[in-house]
Amino acid sequence: MALKMHHSLAVHPGVWLRQEIMEPHGVTIEKLVDAFGVSRQSISAVVNGRSALTEEMAIRFEKAFGVSADTLVRMQSAYGMAKAREHEDEIHVGTVLEDA
């Protein structure tokens, strides 16, 4: 049986990056915009949890802060699954396979 993580434990990787790395080190969104060469809107959406962290953005954060992009992508996947599980009872699927 697989272990299930309670959805309340899942953290958006962008929010985690902001709270645990950016804020303690005084790194602003503007500084990331300059370093990453992407729009302010895209960084703001990620670090405020309004947008998913893409693989390419994860690599940017890895290069900037040394945090594994693979770990960040796994965090994003776990967060997305936790959000989906919050309303899984509302997802209905009809019969697909028939008994042989």
Protein backbone atom coordinates (compact mmCIF):
# COMPACT_ATOMS: atom_id res chain seq x y z
CA MET A 1 0.00 0.00 0.00
CA ALA A 2 1.33 3.43 -0.97
CA LEU A 3 1.71 6.13 1.63
CA LYS A 4 -0.45 9.18 1.06
CA MET A 5 0.66 12.66 2.03
CA HIS A 6 -2.08 14.78 3.52
CA HIS A 7 -2.86 17.59 1.08
CA SER A 8 -2.28 20.22 3.74
CA LEU A 9 1.42 19.29 3.79
CA ALA A 10 1.97 20.05 0.11
CA VAL A 11 3.71 23.37 -0.49
CA HIS A 12 3.86 25.20 -3.80
CA PRO A 13 7.56 25.26 -4.77
CA GLY A 14 7.43 28.94 -5.72
CA VAL A 15 6.02 29.92 -2.35
CA TRP A 16 8.66 27.76 -0.66
CA LEU A 17 11.42 29.43 -2.70
CA ARG A 18 10.12 32.88 -1.77
CA GLN A 19 9.75 32.14 1.94
CA GLU A 20 12.82 29.99 2.49
CA ILE A 21 15.37 31.45 0.08
CA MET A 22 14.39 34.77 -1.47
CA GLU A 23 13.10 36.60 1.61
CA PRO A 24 15.86 35.51 4.03
CA HIS A 25 18.53 36.56 1.50
CA GLY A 26 16.86 39.78 0.40
CA VAL A 27 16.32 38.59 -3.18
CA THR A 28 13.58 40.57 -4.90
CA ILE A 29 11.41 39.69 -7.86
CA GLU A 30 13.11 42.51 -9.77
CA LYS A 31 16.51 40.94 -9.13
CA LEU A 32 15.25 37.61 -10.49
CA VAL A 33 13.75 39.33 -13.54
CA ASP A 34 17.17 40.77 -14.35
CA ALA A 35 19.02 37.51 -13.67
CA PHE A 36 16.54 35.17 -15.36
CA GLY A 37 15.62 37.29 -18.36
CA VAL A 38 11.90 36.60 -17.97
CA SER A 39 8.91 38.82 -17.26
CA ARG A 40 8.05 40.14 -13.83
CA GLN A 41 4.58 38.65 -14.20
CA SER A 42 5.89 35.13 -14.73
CA ILE A 43 8.18 35.22 -11.70
CA SER A 44 5.58 36.91 -9.51
CA ALA A 45 2.96 34.31 -10.45
CA VAL A 46 5.30 31.45 -9.55
CA VAL A 47 6.67 32.78 -6.26
CA ASN A 48 3.19 33.78 -5.10
CA GLY A 49 1.74 30.35 -5.93
CA ARG A 50 -0.56 31.52 -8.73
CA SER A 51 1.22 29.62 -11.49
CA ALA A 52 2.90 26.25 -11.73
CA LEU A 53 6.68 26.07 -11.72
CA THR A 54 7.78 24.85 -15.16
CA GLU A 55 10.80 22.66 -15.69
CA GLU A 56 12.67 25.52 -17.38
CA MET A 57 11.93 27.90 -14.51
CA ALA A 58 13.05 25.18 -12.06
CA ILE A 59 16.39 25.05 -13.86
CA ARG A 60 16.71 28.83 -13.55
CA PHE A 61 16.13 28.60 -9.79
CA GLU A 62 18.62 25.72 -9.59
CA LYS A 63 21.28 27.80 -11.31
CA ALA A 64 20.53 30.83 -9.13
CA PHE A 65 20.23 29.16 -5.73
CA GLY A 66 21.64 25.63 -6.04
CA VAL A 67 18.31 23.97 -5.24
CA SER A 68 17.83 20.86 -7.37
CA ALA A 69 15.45 21.48 -10.29
CA ASP A 70 14.35 17.85 -10.00
CA THR A 71 13.32 18.40 -6.39
CA LEU A 72 11.42 21.56 -7.29
CA VAL A 73 9.57 19.76 -10.10
CA ARG A 74 8.67 16.91 -7.72
CA MET A 75 7.38 19.49 -5.25
CA GLN A 76 5.22 20.99 -8.01
CA SER A 77 3.86 17.57 -8.93
CA ALA A 78 3.06 16.73 -5.31
CA TYR A 79 1.39 20.11 -4.86
CA GLY A 80 -0.70 19.65 -8.01
CA MET A 81 -1.78 16.17 -6.96
CA ALA A 82 -2.68 17.39 -3.47
CA LYS A 83 -4.83 20.14 -4.96
CA ALA A 84 -6.59 17.61 -7.21
CA ARG A 85 -7.16 15.25 -4.27
CA GLU A 86 -8.96 18.04 -2.42
CA HIS A 87 -11.88 17.58 -4.78
CA GLU A 88 -11.47 14.00 -5.97
CA ASP A 89 -14.95 13.09 -4.71
CA GLU A 90 -16.34 15.46 -7.33
CA ILE A 91 -14.59 13.60 -10.16
CA HIS A 92 -16.84 10.94 -11.63
CA VAL A 93 -15.79 8.33 -14.16
CA GLY A 94 -18.05 5.82 -15.86
CA THR A 95 -17.26 2.16 -16.51
CA VAL A 96 -14.43 1.70 -18.97
CA LEU A 97 -13.40 -1.95 -18.76
CA GLU A 98 -15.79 -4.84 -18.95
CA ASP A 99 -15.19 -8.05 -17.01
CA ALA A 100 -13.61 -10.75 -19.18
